[in-house]
Amino acid sequence: MSKKCAFILVLSSLFSGLSFAAPETGVVHITEVRPVTNASGEGFAIIVTDSVAACNTDHFKINFALPGGKEIYSTVLAALIANKPVNVELVDSGCVGWGTSVKSVSLRR
């Protein structure tokens, strides 16, 4: 094996555990959904999960004005009604604690 191949293998093994994805809650249950309209008339929903699994909070925000916001909201409602677990992916810009924005929600079996 050449020195270049060995170097690449060593580097890839060192960085294989790094993750550059957006933060996620892991598998949680939705316990509360609260649609809200603020003073400016902007609609959003606050969802509450059954554990503080990401961003040091269990309260997350779905912005209806963003692309996919209403679809995320409908998935959350389906999960709440069916008592199904979900994985909540948060925005790439990172955690802000209470009300961190939701990027996607995946419904689990």
Protein backbone atom coordinates (compact mmCIF):
# COMPACT_ATOMS: atom_id res chain seq x y z
CA MET A 1 0.00 0.00 0.00
CA SER A 2 1.32 3.40 -0.88
CA LYS A 3 1.94 6.09 1.73
CA LYS A 4 -0.80 8.22 0.15
CA CYS A 5 -3.41 5.43 0.53
CA ALA A 6 -2.34 4.80 4.12
CA PHE A 7 -2.62 8.52 4.90
CA ILE A 8 -6.14 8.66 3.41
CA LEU A 9 -7.23 5.60 5.39
CA VAL A 10 -5.92 7.09 8.63
CA LEU A 11 -7.67 10.41 7.98
CA SER A 12 -10.97 8.76 7.09
CA SER A 13 -10.88 6.63 10.25
CA LEU A 14 -10.16 9.70 12.38
CA PHE A 15 -13.08 11.70 10.97
CA SER A 16 -15.59 8.89 10.46
CA GLY A 17 -17.34 9.66 13.76
CA LEU A 18 -17.92 13.33 12.99
CA SER A 19 -21.38 14.42 12.01
CA PHE A 20 -22.24 17.63 10.22
CA ALA A 21 -25.98 17.04 10.07
CA ALA A 22 -28.61 19.20 11.73
CA PRO A 23 -29.44 18.36 15.36
CA GLU A 24 -32.20 15.79 15.93
CA THR A 25 -34.28 14.74 18.89
CA GLY A 26 -34.03 11.03 18.31
CA VAL A 27 -37.24 9.07 18.72
CA VAL A 28 -39.77 11.01 20.84
CA HIS A 29 -43.55 11.33 21.19
CA ILE A 30 -45.46 14.56 20.59
CA THR A 31 -47.39 15.45 23.75
CA GLU A 32 -48.81 18.84 22.78
CA VAL A 33 -49.41 20.94 19.67
CA ARG A 34 -50.28 24.61 20.03
CA PRO A 35 -51.06 26.70 16.90
CA VAL A 36 -50.21 30.37 17.49
CA THR A 37 -50.60 33.68 15.66
CA ASN A 38 -48.30 36.46 16.82
CA ALA A 39 -49.04 40.20 16.82
CA SER A 40 -47.76 40.51 13.23
CA GLY A 41 -50.23 37.87 12.04
CA GLU A 42 -47.55 35.24 11.43
CA GLY A 43 -48.74 31.71 12.03
CA PHE A 44 -46.67 28.98 13.61
CA ALA A 45 -47.08 26.03 15.94
CA ILE A 46 -45.26 25.07 19.09
CA ILE A 47 -44.84 21.33 19.54
CA VAL A 48 -43.89 19.70 22.83
CA THR A 49 -42.12 16.34 23.02
CA ASP A 50 -42.00 13.84 25.85
CA SER A 51 -38.31 14.43 26.58
CA VAL A 52 -35.63 17.09 26.47
CA ALA A 53 -33.69 15.34 23.73
CA ALA A 54 -32.12 18.15 21.69
CA CYS A 55 -31.16 21.80 22.16
CA ASN A 56 -31.85 21.53 25.88
CA THR A 57 -35.60 21.88 25.31
CA ASP A 58 -38.76 19.94 24.60
CA HIS A 59 -40.55 22.88 22.88
CA PHE A 60 -39.98 23.36 19.15
CA LYS A 61 -41.42 25.76 16.55
CA ILE A 62 -42.96 25.00 13.15
CA ASN A 63 -43.12 28.12 10.97
CA PHE A 64 -46.12 27.95 8.61
CA ALA A 65 -44.61 30.59 6.29
CA LEU A 66 -41.61 28.43 5.39
CA PRO A 67 -41.78 25.87 2.57
CA GLY A 68 -42.98 22.58 4.02
CA GLY A 69 -44.19 24.14 7.26
CA LYS A 70 -47.81 23.08 6.85
CA GLU A 71 -46.76 19.58 5.76
CA ILE A 72 -44.58 19.24 8.87
CA TYR A 73 -47.53 20.42 10.97
CA SER A 74 -49.86 17.82 9.44
CA THR A 75 -47.31 15.07 10.12
CA VAL A 76 -47.06 16.20 13.75
CA LEU A 77 -50.86 16.16 14.10
CA ALA A 78 -51.03 12.65 12.63
CA ALA A 79 -48.36 11.45 15.07
CA LEU A 80 -50.15 13.04 18.02
CA ILE A 81 -53.53 11.55 17.12
CA ALA A 82 -52.08 8.09 16.41
CA ASN A 83 -49.70 8.24 19.40
CA LYS A 84 -46.81 7.35 17.09
CA PRO A 85 -43.18 8.24 17.72
CA VAL A 86 -41.36 10.77 15.57
CA ASN A 87 -37.84 12.04 14.97
CA VAL A 88 -37.64 15.83 14.85
CA GLU A 89 -34.83 17.32 12.76
CA LEU A 90 -33.94 20.89 13.67
CA VAL A 91 -32.68 23.71 11.46
CA ASP A 92 -29.06 23.74 10.36
CA SER A 93 -28.49 27.13 11.99
CA GLY A 94 -28.50 25.34 15.31
CA CYS A 95 -30.13 25.38 18.69
CA VAL A 96 -31.64 28.41 20.37
CA GLY A 97 -33.26 26.50 23.21
CA TRP A 98 -37.00 26.95 23.66
CA GLY A 99 -38.66 27.34 20.26
CA THR A 100 -35.81 26.03 18.10
CA SER A 101 -37.20 25.77 14.55
CA VAL A 102 -38.10 22.42 13.02
CA LYS A 103 -36.65 21.44 9.63
CA SER A 104 -38.43 18.09 9.24
CA VAL A 105 -40.35 15.43 11.14
CA SER A 106 -40.24 11.75 10.32
CA LEU A 107 -43.10 9.57 11.50
CA ARG A 108 -42.09 6.20 13.03
CA ARG A 109 -43.89 2.90 13.36
